[in-house]
């Protein structure tokens, strides 16, 4: 029983030490895109989703830019989520 507890604690510590910096924000400015005529939030999220899903990217763009809805205007400047 004690061995299992020690093994769990050691595994947790190893996880914290093995992946330093993942929890921290990446340095430098966040990526930005200027909405082009005909662009939709869906299109922008699709182009910039990277490894994360399109829906999650779209919600993150909304959060980062304090958007209440899903519409964007040509010329609007949008902060994008950082790629991980």
Protein backbone atom coordinates (compact mmCIF):
# COMPACT_ATOMS: atom_id res chain seq x y z
CA UNK A 1 0.00 0.00 0.00
CA UNK A 2 2.77 2.42 0.97
CA UNK A 3 4.71 1.43 -2.15
CA UNK A 4 1.70 2.30 -4.35
CA UNK A 5 1.34 5.68 -2.67
CA UNK A 6 5.04 6.44 -3.14
CA UNK A 7 4.84 5.33 -6.76
CA UNK A 8 1.88 7.65 -7.40
CA UNK A 9 3.65 10.61 -5.77
CA UNK A 10 6.84 9.93 -7.74
CA UNK A 11 4.87 9.65 -10.97
CA UNK A 12 3.12 12.95 -10.28
CA UNK A 13 6.40 14.71 -9.55
CA UNK A 14 7.97 13.26 -12.68
CA UNK A 15 5.05 14.58 -14.75
CA UNK A 16 5.50 18.06 -13.30
CA UNK A 17 9.24 18.05 -13.96
CA UNK A 18 9.15 16.28 -17.34
CA UNK A 19 7.06 18.92 -19.12
CA UNK A 20 8.28 22.31 -17.93
CA UNK A 21 6.92 25.35 -19.67
CA UNK A 22 3.78 23.79 -21.11
CA UNK A 23 1.58 25.56 -18.59
CA UNK A 24 3.30 28.89 -19.17
CA UNK A 25 2.33 31.21 -21.99
CA UNK A 26 4.64 31.28 -24.94
CA UNK A 27 6.71 34.47 -25.21
CA UNK A 28 6.02 37.14 -27.77
CA UNK A 29 2.87 38.69 -29.11
CA UNK A 30 -0.23 36.61 -29.78
CA UNK A 31 -1.00 35.98 -33.46
CA UNK A 32 -3.45 38.40 -35.05
CA UNK A 33 -5.51 38.23 -38.23
CA UNK A 34 -7.37 40.98 -40.07
CA UNK A 35 -10.80 39.80 -41.22
CA UNK A 36 -11.05 39.93 -45.02
CA UNK A 37 -14.26 40.57 -46.97
CA UNK A 38 -16.27 37.35 -47.06
CA UNK A 39 -14.48 35.81 -44.07
CA UNK A 40 -16.54 34.21 -41.33
CA UNK A 41 -15.47 33.25 -37.84
CA UNK A 42 -15.93 29.63 -38.94
CA UNK A 43 -13.50 30.15 -41.88
CA UNK A 44 -10.89 31.81 -39.69
CA UNK A 45 -11.14 29.08 -37.03
CA UNK A 46 -10.83 26.42 -39.73
CA UNK A 47 -7.65 27.99 -41.14
CA UNK A 48 -6.03 28.51 -37.74
CA UNK A 49 -7.19 25.49 -35.73
CA UNK A 50 -3.87 23.64 -35.91
CA UNK A 51 -3.99 20.56 -33.68
CA UNK A 52 -7.06 21.67 -31.77
CA UNK A 53 -10.56 21.33 -33.19
CA UNK A 54 -12.28 24.01 -35.23
CA UNK A 55 -15.11 24.48 -32.70
CA UNK A 56 -12.69 24.87 -29.78
CA UNK A 57 -10.63 27.35 -31.82
CA UNK A 58 -13.73 29.35 -32.69
CA UNK A 59 -14.74 29.56 -29.03
CA UNK A 60 -11.21 30.54 -28.02
CA UNK A 61 -11.18 33.33 -30.65
CA UNK A 62 -14.52 34.56 -29.28
CA UNK A 63 -13.13 34.53 -25.72
CA UNK A 64 -9.86 36.26 -26.62
CA UNK A 65 -11.69 39.03 -28.48
CA UNK A 66 -14.69 39.41 -26.16
CA UNK A 67 -17.11 38.56 -28.97
CA UNK A 68 -20.73 38.09 -27.91
CA UNK A 69 -21.81 36.44 -31.15
CA UNK A 70 -20.33 34.69 -34.14
CA UNK A 71 -20.24 37.49 -36.70
CA UNK A 72 -17.12 39.42 -37.68
CA UNK A 73 -16.64 42.44 -39.92
CA UNK A 74 -14.14 42.99 -42.73
CA UNK A 75 -11.18 44.94 -41.37
CA UNK A 76 -11.73 43.69 -37.83
CA UNK A 77 -8.55 42.68 -36.02
CA UNK A 78 -8.79 39.36 -34.18
CA UNK A 79 -6.34 37.89 -31.70
CA UNK A 80 -5.86 34.18 -32.36
CA UNK A 81 -5.03 31.39 -29.91
CA UNK A 82 -1.38 30.41 -29.76
CA UNK A 83 -0.47 27.15 -31.48
CA UNK A 84 0.62 24.42 -29.05
